[in-house]
Amino acid sequence: MTRAAQGPGPRPLPRPLPRPAPRRPVRPVRARVPDPPPDGPQLPLDTEKLLAARLHAVKVRPYLAAALFALHVVEDRSVPTMAVDAHWRCYVSPGFVARTPVEELAGVWVHEVSHLLRDHHGRGERYAREQGEYGPGERLRRNIAADFEINDDIYGDGLPRPTGAVLPSLLGLSDGLLMEEYLRTASMSGLAADLAWLDCGSGADGQQRPWERGPDGAHGLSRHQQDAVRFRVAEGIKGRPGDAPEGWRRWADEAFQPPQPWRQLLGAAIRSAAGAPGVGENHSYRRPSRRSASVPGVVLPSLRRTPPRVCVVIDTSGSVSDAELGSALLEVAAISRAVGGRRDLVSVISCDAAAGVAVPLCRAESMELIGGGGTNLRSGFAQALRSRPGPDVIVALTDGQTPWPSTQPPCRTIVGLFPRPTRAVDEDDPDYAPDAPPSWARVVTIAS
């Protein structure tokens, strides 16, 4: 039989193509991820080292002592490093304590207690509720932003920065901003993969973790106890202001003095003064009094209420900025609305070391304010009282760096105070401190 009759022979098998060598995945450069515990999961917690680190933190940051000692330590092996919950419990990983130097561990103590003092729990909850962001990615963003707020100024001066601490400079952001500002100005998506291990607990972002004991767990602080701790820390910072960085001093000033709606307060004070008994009231025979019926043959006058006259004394000294003068003009327009829109009843006096002429209000936006020298509001008050007819209410808009009248004016007085440091700077007298507004004046602080 020929080969053709037998059919084609077996074909050779195709030679397999060589497999390419497996490519190793490129790992991005990231902050140091906490290593696993060196001695396995049963590593005991080195309590002596942990407490020694806290003592070191108290030594270098004495104004935080009350807060550091208020934290209750909870050993937990599921925590990556150290974390806090909203009830002032501090969860600690034994492996993290074992491999971290005491000085760096002290920095972590200060970092975690800073989350609680600055109420990142409550602020994180509010931000999540306003933005509708509750997922794990959003939780991590809030944690990173809270760390940005803390880490830019708490380290140094005996407190080394712990390994892996995140800073605003990682995203080219400025220092000194608040958590909410960082959240609004940066997406932080470039850091999310590198910092997936970062977890400071619900005390940093307001979202509860599985390992936390919750509000009903043992050794938690009540809301009143937390406020007491914050108050003691704020008092310690204000008592020794040179020992704390600017961020902590700002926090101490605002911790128990939240921003007030000063425009509403100023308007309410003016309306209250303008509507007080005796203000804008006069006797008139146009309508006899109803009591005339009880006195036959005698016509008694009735009280006639007229719109009150308001004189605004604006401090135009060199210590008042242009922005504050612009704000003062806006307040003059608001004052005219508070007295019923009668601009003819509102007059304005520019006053630095001497008072100008009382100018009737036509348009506050086009009014010229004259000054730029020293400050003496006594002349401004005297000029206002010399006006005829006299004012029912005097409103002084000033920075407070002025002598005040020695006697109470015969009319209601309101002081709108531009905020200034407690102690003013005077090259001739370093111990100079301005007098506080007199007790007979209603004072409203005008925020920027």
Protein backbone atom coordinates (compact mmCIF):
# COMPACT_ATOMS: atom_id res chain seq x y z
CA MET A 1 0.00 0.00 0.00
CA THR A 2 1.34 3.31 -0.95
CA ARG A 3 1.77 6.18 1.51
CA ALA A 4 -1.06 8.02 -0.27
CA ALA A 5 -3.38 5.07 0.30
CA GLN A 6 -2.45 4.83 3.92
CA GLY A 7 -3.40 8.50 4.43
CA PRO A 8 -1.34 11.29 5.90
CA GLY A 9 1.00 10.42 8.70
CA PRO A 10 0.80 11.89 12.20
CA ARG A 11 1.47 15.62 12.35
CA PRO A 12 4.14 16.83 14.71
CA LEU A 13 2.83 18.54 17.83
CA PRO A 14 3.29 22.32 17.87
CA ARG A 15 6.16 23.49 20.01
CA PRO A 16 4.83 25.36 23.04
CA LEU A 17 5.68 29.01 23.21
CA PRO A 18 7.97 29.98 26.06
CA ARG A 19 6.11 31.54 29.01
CA PRO A 20 7.19 35.00 29.98
CA ALA A 21 8.79 35.34 33.36
CA PRO A 22 6.24 36.42 35.98
CA ARG A 23 6.37 40.15 36.65
CA ARG A 24 6.68 41.21 40.23
CA PRO A 25 4.07 43.81 41.12
CA VAL A 26 5.47 47.26 41.69
CA ARG A 27 4.61 48.39 45.20
CA PRO A 28 4.11 52.11 45.64
CA VAL A 29 6.25 53.98 48.10
CA ARG A 30 4.10 54.54 51.12
CA ALA A 31 4.27 55.48 54.73
CA ARG A 32 5.56 52.78 57.00
CA VAL A 33 2.86 50.18 57.59
CA PRO A 34 2.92 48.72 61.10
CA ASP A 35 4.77 45.42 61.13
CA PRO A 36 3.19 42.29 62.61
CA PRO A 37 4.01 41.59 66.22
CA PRO A 38 7.46 39.96 66.42
CA ASP A 39 6.52 37.30 68.94
CA GLY A 40 3.21 36.17 67.53
CA PRO A 41 -0.32 37.02 68.62
CA GLN A 42 0.28 36.15 72.28
CA LEU A 43 2.79 38.95 72.89
CA PRO A 44 1.96 40.48 76.27
CA LEU A 45 1.40 44.21 76.60
CA ASP A 46 4.43 46.03 78.02
CA THR A 47 2.42 48.20 80.39
CA GLU A 48 5.52 49.64 82.05
CA LYS A 49 6.86 50.92 78.72
CA LEU A 50 3.46 52.29 77.70
CA LEU A 51 3.03 54.24 80.94
CA ALA A 52 6.64 55.45 80.81
CA ALA A 53 5.84 56.91 77.38
CA ARG A 54 2.82 58.67 78.81
CA LEU A 55 4.95 60.18 81.59
CA HIS A 56 7.39 61.42 78.97
CA ALA A 57 4.49 63.01 77.07
CA VAL A 58 3.34 64.74 80.27
CA LYS A 59 6.87 66.00 80.92
CA VAL A 60 7.28 67.63 77.50
CA ARG A 61 3.61 68.71 77.15
CA PRO A 62 2.51 69.51 80.73
CA TYR A 63 -0.61 71.39 79.60
CA LEU A 64 -2.02 68.09 78.27
CA ALA A 65 -1.49 66.19 81.53
CA ALA A 66 -5.16 66.19 82.58
CA ALA A 67 -6.21 64.72 79.23
CA LEU A 68 -3.42 62.14 79.04
CA PHE A 69 -4.20 60.78 82.50
CA ALA A 70 -7.94 60.73 81.74
CA LEU A 71 -7.47 58.07 79.01
CA HIS A 72 -8.28 54.49 80.03
CA VAL A 73 -5.99 51.90 78.40
CA VAL A 74 -7.58 48.85 76.76
CA GLU A 75 -5.35 46.09 75.37
CA ASP A 76 -6.59 44.91 71.99
CA ARG A 77 -4.64 42.87 69.43
CA SER A 78 -6.94 43.77 66.54
CA VAL A 79 -5.92 47.45 66.68
CA PRO A 80 -3.18 48.31 64.13
CA THR A 81 -1.33 50.72 66.42
CA MET A 82 -3.16 52.88 68.99
CA ALA A 83 -6.66 54.22 68.69
CA VAL A 84 -9.25 56.08 70.75
CA ASP A 85 -13.01 56.02 70.86
CA ALA A 86 -15.38 58.88 71.58
CA HIS A 87 -15.58 57.89 75.26
CA TRP A 88 -11.88 58.42 76.01
CA ARG A 89 -10.74 54.81 75.92
CA CYS A 90 -7.33 54.18 74.34
CA TYR A 91 -7.00 50.82 72.54
CA VAL A 92 -3.40 49.59 72.31
CA SER A 93 -1.73 46.87 70.25
CA PRO A 94 0.93 44.99 72.29
CA GLY A 95 3.07 44.43 69.20
CA PHE A 96 3.05 48.13 68.36
CA VAL A 97 4.17 49.03 71.88
CA ALA A 98 6.97 46.43 71.73
CA ARG A 99 8.55 47.74 68.52
CA THR A 100 8.11 51.51 69.08
CA PRO A 101 10.69 53.56 71.01
CA VAL A 102 9.46 55.30 74.14
CA GLU A 103 9.90 58.81 72.72
CA GLU A 104 7.89 57.99 69.59
CA LEU A 105 5.28 56.23 71.71
CA ALA A 106 4.91 59.47 73.70
CA GLY A 107 4.18 61.25 70.42
CA VAL A 108 1.44 58.72 69.67
CA TRP A 109 -0.07 59.38 73.11
CA VAL A 110 -0.23 63.11 72.35
CA HIS A 111 -1.57 62.45 68.85
CA GLU A 112 -4.45 60.27 70.03
CA VAL A 113 -5.50 62.54 72.90
CA SER A 114 -5.44 65.49 70.49
CA HIS A 115 -8.23 63.83 68.47
CA LEU A 116 -10.42 63.79 71.57
CA LEU A 117 -9.59 67.30 72.78
CA ARG A 118 -10.39 68.77 69.38
CA ASP A 119 -13.67 66.84 69.18
CA HIS A 120 -12.86 65.13 65.89
CA HIS A 121 -15.53 62.58 66.81
CA GLY A 122 -18.36 65.12 66.84
CA ARG A 123 -16.99 67.15 63.96
CA GLY A 124 -16.49 64.03 61.84
CA GLU A 125 -20.06 62.92 62.50
CA ARG A 126 -21.40 66.34 61.51
CA TYR A 127 -19.37 66.41 58.32
CA ALA A 128 -20.48 62.90 57.35
CA ARG A 129 -24.10 63.81 58.00
CA GLU A 130 -23.89 67.03 55.97
CA GLN A 131 -22.11 65.39 53.03
CA GLY A 132 -23.79 61.99 53.23
CA GLU A 133 -20.41 60.22 53.33
CA TYR A 134 -20.39 57.06 55.46
CA GLY A 135 -18.31 54.47 53.54
CA PRO A 136 -14.87 53.17 54.55
CA GLY A 137 -13.17 55.42 52.01
CA GLU A 138 -14.84 58.51 53.44
CA ARG A 139 -13.97 57.36 56.96
CA LEU A 140 -10.31 57.15 55.98
CA ARG A 141 -10.46 60.63 54.42
CA ARG A 142 -11.78 62.08 57.66
CA ASN A 143 -9.08 60.30 59.63
CA ILE A 144 -6.34 61.64 57.32
CA ALA A 145 -7.74 65.18 57.48
CA ALA A 146 -7.91 65.00 61.27
CA ASP A 147 -4.28 63.85 61.35
CA PHE A 148 -3.32 66.78 59.09
CA GLU A 149 -4.87 69.18 61.59
CA ILE A 150 -2.94 67.65 64.47
CA ASN A 151 0.44 66.64 63.11
CA ASP A 152 1.53 70.00 61.71
CA ASP A 153 2.40 71.53 65.09
CA ILE A 154 2.33 69.02 67.97
CA TYR A 155 5.78 67.49 67.41
CA GLY A 156 9.25 68.79 68.11
CA ASP A 157 10.68 70.24 71.33
CA GLY A 158 11.25 66.89 73.00
CA LEU A 159 8.52 65.02 71.15
CA PRO A 160 9.82 63.29 67.98
CA ARG A 161 7.41 62.68 65.15
CA PRO A 162 6.37 58.99 65.04
CA THR A 163 7.25 56.94 61.99
CA GLY A 164 4.51 57.14 59.36
CA ALA A 165 2.87 60.33 60.69
CA VAL A 166 1.04 62.05 57.83
CA LEU A 167 1.50 65.76 57.15
CA PRO A 168 -0.37 68.25 54.92
CA SER A 169 2.80 68.66 52.86
CA LEU A 170 2.20 65.17 51.40
CA LEU A 171 -0.50 66.79 49.25
CA GLY A 172 1.13 70.19 48.96
CA LEU A 173 -1.37 71.70 51.42
CA SER A 174 -0.74 74.48 53.91
CA ASP A 175 -0.29 73.90 57.61
CA GLY A 176 -2.58 75.30 60.24
CA LEU A 177 -5.95 74.43 58.65
CA LEU A 178 -8.86 72.62 60.25
CA MET A 179 -10.03 69.12 59.42
CA GLU A 180 -13.07 70.44 57.54
CA GLU A 181 -10.90 72.74 55.41
CA TYR A 182 -8.63 69.87 54.39
CA LEU A 183 -11.67 67.77 53.48
CA ARG A 184 -13.09 70.53 51.29
CA THR A 185 -9.83 71.39 49.50
CA ALA A 186 -8.28 67.95 48.81
CA SER A 187 -9.61 64.58 47.62
CA MET A 188 -6.82 62.56 49.31
CA SER A 189 -7.39 59.75 46.82
CA GLY A 190 -3.66 59.58 46.18
CA LEU A 191 -3.02 58.69 49.83
CA ALA A 192 -5.91 56.29 50.39
CA ALA A 193 -4.09 53.19 49.10
CA ASP A 194 -0.87 54.00 50.95
CA LEU A 195 -2.63 54.74 54.26
CA ALA A 196 -5.21 51.97 54.29
CA TRP A 197 -3.64 50.74 57.54
CA LEU A 198 -4.29 54.09 59.27
CA ASP A 199 -6.97 53.80 61.92
CA CYS A 200 -7.15 56.09 64.95
CA GLY A 201 -10.59 54.86 66.01
CA SER A 202 -13.95 56.58 66.19
CA GLY A 203 -12.38 59.38 68.22
CA ALA A 204 -10.78 60.59 64.99
CA ASP A 205 -13.71 60.47 62.56
CA GLY A 206 -16.92 59.57 64.41
CA GLN A 207 -17.45 56.07 62.96
CA GLN A 208 -17.51 53.25 65.52
CA ARG A 209 -15.13 50.28 65.11
CA PRO A 210 -15.85 46.60 65.84
CA TRP A 211 -13.33 46.44 68.66
CA GLU A 212 -14.74 49.42 70.58
CA ARG A 213 -16.83 48.96 73.70
CA GLY A 214 -19.39 51.58 72.77
CA PRO A 215 -21.26 54.05 74.98
CA ASP A 216 -22.36 51.39 77.49
CA GLY A 217 -18.92 49.86 78.00
CA ALA A 218 -16.88 50.19 81.15
CA HIS A 219 -14.42 52.97 81.94
CA GLY A 220 -15.86 55.54 79.53
CA LEU A 221 -16.17 59.24 80.33
CA SER A 222 -19.52 61.00 80.29
CA ARG A 223 -20.06 64.16 78.28
CA HIS A 224 -19.70 66.33 81.41
CA GLN A 225 -16.47 64.59 82.39
CA GLN A 226 -15.06 65.12 78.90
CA ASP A 227 -15.93 68.81 79.04
CA ALA A 228 -14.27 69.08 82.45
CA VAL A 229 -11.05 67.60 81.03
CA ARG A 230 -11.12 69.98 78.07
CA PHE A 231 -11.70 72.91 80.40
CA ARG A 232 -8.69 72.02 82.57
CA VAL A 233 -6.48 71.66 79.49
CA ALA A 234 -7.69 74.99 78.04
CA GLU A 235 -7.05 76.75 81.35
CA GLY A 236 -3.56 75.27 81.49
CA ILE A 237 -2.77 76.51 77.99
CA LYS A 238 -4.09 80.01 78.65
CA GLY A 239 -2.29 80.17 82.00
CA ARG A 240 1.08 79.54 80.31
CA PRO A 241 0.54 80.72 76.73
CA GLY A 242 4.21 80.65 75.76
CA ASP A 243 4.45 76.89 76.24
CA ALA A 244 1.88 75.86 73.61
CA PRO A 245 2.01 76.22 69.80
CA GLU A 246 -0.36 78.51 67.95
CA GLY A 247 -2.80 75.73 67.08
CA TRP A 248 -3.32 74.81 70.72
CA ARG A 249 -3.62 78.45 71.81
CA ARG A 250 -6.30 79.01 69.17
CA TRP A 251 -8.11 75.90 70.37
CA ALA A 252 -7.96 77.05 74.01
CA ASP A 253 -9.45 80.44 73.09
CA GLU A 254 -12.35 78.87 71.22
CA ALA A 255 -12.93 75.69 73.23
CA PHE A 256 -15.56 77.21 75.52
CA GLN A 257 -16.28 80.40 73.60
CA PRO A 258 -17.90 79.24 70.36
CA PRO A 259 -18.40 81.88 67.67
CA GLN A 260 -21.48 83.96 68.42
CA PRO A 261 -23.93 85.28 65.82
CA TRP A 262 -22.68 88.80 66.50
CA ARG A 263 -24.79 90.47 63.81
CA GLN A 264 -27.96 89.14 65.41
CA LEU A 265 -26.65 90.07 68.87
CA LEU A 266 -25.78 93.62 67.79
CA GLY A 267 -29.13 94.08 66.06
CA ALA A 268 -30.98 92.71 69.08
CA ALA A 269 -29.05 95.01 71.43
CA ILE A 270 -29.95 98.06 69.30
CA ARG A 271 -33.62 97.08 69.05
CA SER A 272 -33.73 96.44 72.79
CA ALA A 273 -32.17 99.81 73.55
CA ALA A 274 -34.40 101.62 71.07
CA GLY A 275 -37.53 99.95 72.43
CA ALA A 276 -36.76 100.43 76.12
CA PRO A 277 -39.26 102.38 78.25
CA GLY A 278 -38.66 106.12 78.05
CA VAL A 279 -36.81 105.97 74.75
CA GLY A 280 -38.45 108.00 71.99
CA GLU A 281 -41.43 108.86 74.21
CA ASN A 282 -42.85 112.36 74.65
CA HIS A 283 -46.05 113.96 75.91
CA SER A 284 -48.59 115.20 73.38
CA TYR A 285 -51.97 116.96 73.61
CA ARG A 286 -53.03 115.77 70.17
CA ARG A 287 -54.73 112.84 71.83
CA PRO A 288 -55.82 113.42 75.42
CA SER A 289 -54.95 110.83 77.97
CA ARG A 290 -57.67 108.36 78.96
CA ARG A 291 -57.06 109.36 82.55
CA SER A 292 -58.50 112.83 81.84
CA ALA A 293 -61.97 111.43 82.59
CA SER A 294 -60.94 110.95 86.21
CA VAL A 295 -59.94 114.62 86.55
CA PRO A 296 -62.88 116.80 85.40
CA GLY A 297 -61.88 120.08 83.81
CA VAL A 298 -58.24 119.04 83.30
CA VAL A 299 -56.82 117.80 80.01
CA LEU A 300 -53.94 115.41 80.56
CA PRO A 301 -51.43 114.76 77.78
CA SER A 302 -50.83 111.29 76.47
CA LEU A 303 -47.51 109.65 75.75
CA ARG A 304 -46.57 109.70 72.09
CA ARG A 305 -43.88 107.35 70.91
CA THR A 306 -41.54 108.62 68.21
CA PRO A 307 -38.78 106.67 66.46
CA PRO A 308 -35.55 106.78 68.53
CA ARG A 309 -32.51 108.70 67.38
CA VAL A 310 -29.28 106.73 67.09
CA CYS A 311 -25.79 108.22 66.91
CA VAL A 312 -23.01 105.88 65.69
CA VAL A 313 -19.47 106.74 66.79
CA ILE A 314 -16.95 104.94 64.53
CA ASP A 315 -13.36 104.55 65.65
CA THR A 316 -11.22 105.67 62.68
CA SER A 317 -7.85 105.52 64.43
CA GLY A 318 -4.80 103.94 62.82
CA SER A 319 -5.28 100.70 64.76
CA VAL A 320 -8.57 99.97 62.96
CA SER A 321 -8.11 98.25 59.61
CA ASP A 322 -9.85 99.16 56.36
CA ALA A 323 -11.75 95.88 56.45
CA GLU A 324 -13.10 96.73 59.90
CA LEU A 325 -14.12 100.20 58.74
CA GLY A 326 -15.96 98.59 55.84
CA SER A 327 -17.69 96.27 58.29
CA ALA A 328 -18.62 99.30 60.42
CA LEU A 329 -20.34 100.94 57.44
CA LEU A 330 -22.33 97.77 56.82
CA GLU A 331 -23.40 97.83 60.46
CA VAL A 332 -24.54 101.44 60.11
CA ALA A 333 -26.87 100.38 57.31
CA ALA A 334 -28.12 97.50 59.48
CA ILE A 335 -28.71 99.93 62.37
CA SER A 336 -30.90 102.11 60.18
CA ARG A 337 -33.02 99.06 59.38
CA ALA A 338 -33.24 98.18 63.08
CA VAL A 339 -34.91 101.55 63.84
CA GLY A 340 -37.51 101.18 61.11
CA GLY A 341 -35.57 102.40 58.08
CA ARG A 342 -35.57 106.08 59.16
CA ARG A 343 -32.10 107.07 58.01
CA ASP A 344 -32.78 110.69 58.99
CA LEU A 345 -32.76 109.50 62.60
CA VAL A 346 -29.28 107.95 62.32
CA SER A 347 -26.14 110.08 62.44
CA VAL A 348 -22.48 109.06 62.18
CA ILE A 349 -19.40 110.55 63.87
CA SER A 350 -15.84 109.70 62.78
CA CYS A 351 -13.51 109.76 65.76
CA ASP A 352 -9.81 109.14 66.23
CA ALA A 353 -8.02 111.47 68.69
CA ALA A 354 -10.73 114.09 67.99
CA ALA A 355 -14.33 113.80 66.94
CA GLY A 356 -15.67 114.95 63.61
CA VAL A 357 -19.06 116.44 62.86
CA ALA A 358 -22.18 114.33 63.28
CA VAL A 359 -23.21 113.53 59.71
CA PRO A 360 -26.79 112.43 58.97
CA LEU A 361 -26.99 109.07 57.28
CA CYS A 362 -27.90 109.18 53.60
CA ARG A 363 -26.11 106.18 52.12
CA ALA A 364 -23.74 104.26 54.34
CA GLU A 365 -21.87 102.90 51.32
CA SER A 366 -20.82 106.38 50.16
CA MET A 367 -20.04 107.85 53.58
CA GLU A 368 -16.50 109.13 54.07
CA LEU A 369 -14.75 108.21 57.30
CA ILE A 370 -11.98 110.60 58.36
CA GLY A 371 -9.18 109.73 60.76
CA GLY A 372 -6.06 107.64 61.05
CA GLY A 373 -4.42 109.05 64.16
CA GLY A 374 -4.69 108.16 67.83
CA THR A 375 -7.81 107.09 69.67
CA ASN A 376 -9.97 108.98 72.19
CA LEU A 377 -13.63 108.04 72.05
CA ARG A 378 -14.41 110.45 74.89
CA SER A 379 -14.54 113.27 72.34
CA GLY A 380 -16.82 111.14 70.16
CA PHE A 381 -19.26 110.58 73.01
CA ALA A 382 -19.16 114.29 73.92
CA GLN A 383 -19.87 115.27 70.30
CA ALA A 384 -22.79 112.83 70.14
CA LEU A 385 -24.33 114.25 73.32
CA ARG A 386 -24.00 117.83 72.00
CA SER A 387 -26.18 116.98 69.01
CA ARG A 388 -29.65 118.50 68.97
CA PRO A 389 -31.97 116.79 69.33
CA GLY A 390 -29.93 114.46 71.48
CA PRO A 391 -29.63 110.74 70.71
CA ASP A 392 -31.66 108.06 72.42
CA VAL A 393 -28.98 105.44 71.72
CA ILE A 394 -25.21 105.75 71.17
CA VAL A 395 -23.49 102.90 69.31
CA ALA A 396 -19.66 102.90 69.41
CA LEU A 397 -17.81 100.69 66.92
CA THR A 398 -14.19 100.42 68.08
CA ASP A 399 -11.24 98.12 68.76
CA GLY A 400 -11.30 99.11 72.44
CA GLN A 401 -7.82 100.71 72.49
CA THR A 402 -9.21 103.95 73.88
CA PRO A 403 -10.05 105.78 77.11
CA TRP A 404 -13.73 105.65 77.95
CA PRO A 405 -16.04 108.36 79.35
CA SER A 406 -15.74 108.65 83.11
CA THR A 407 -19.50 109.06 83.59
CA GLN A 408 -22.42 107.19 82.10
CA PRO A 409 -24.16 109.05 79.25
CA PRO A 410 -27.84 109.93 79.79
CA CYS A 411 -28.88 107.47 77.06
CA ARG A 412 -28.48 103.82 76.20
CA THR A 413 -24.97 102.81 75.07
CA ILE A 414 -23.87 99.85 72.95
CA VAL A 415 -20.23 99.02 72.15
CA GLY A 416 -19.44 96.92 69.07
CA LEU A 417 -15.93 95.67 69.80
CA PHE A 418 -13.50 94.58 67.09
CA PRO A 419 -11.50 91.68 68.58
CA ARG A 420 -7.96 92.39 69.73
CA PRO A 421 -5.35 90.59 71.88
CA THR A 422 -5.85 90.95 75.61
CA ARG A 423 -2.68 93.02 75.94
CA ALA A 424 -1.94 95.74 73.42
CA VAL A 425 1.52 96.67 72.21
CA ASP A 426 2.94 100.02 73.33
CA GLU A 427 6.62 100.69 72.70
CA ASP A 428 6.74 103.45 75.33
CA ASP A 429 4.98 101.42 78.01
CA PRO A 430 5.39 97.62 77.75
CA ASP A 431 2.99 97.12 80.68
CA TYR A 432 0.18 99.04 79.00
CA ALA A 433 -3.17 97.28 78.94
CA PRO A 434 -6.29 98.97 77.51
CA ASP A 435 -9.24 99.59 79.77
CA ALA A 436 -12.20 97.29 79.34
CA PRO A 437 -15.47 98.84 78.15
CA PRO A 438 -17.45 100.31 81.06
CA SER A 439 -20.01 98.18 82.83
CA TRP A 440 -22.89 100.48 81.84
CA ALA A 441 -22.40 99.69 78.15
CA ARG A 442 -23.80 96.66 76.36
CA VAL A 443 -20.79 95.01 74.65
CA VAL A 444 -21.03 92.83 71.54
CA THR A 445 -17.82 91.36 70.05
CA ILE A 446 -17.74 91.81 66.28
CA ALA A 447 -16.08 88.79 64.70
CA SER A 448 -14.13 88.97 61.45
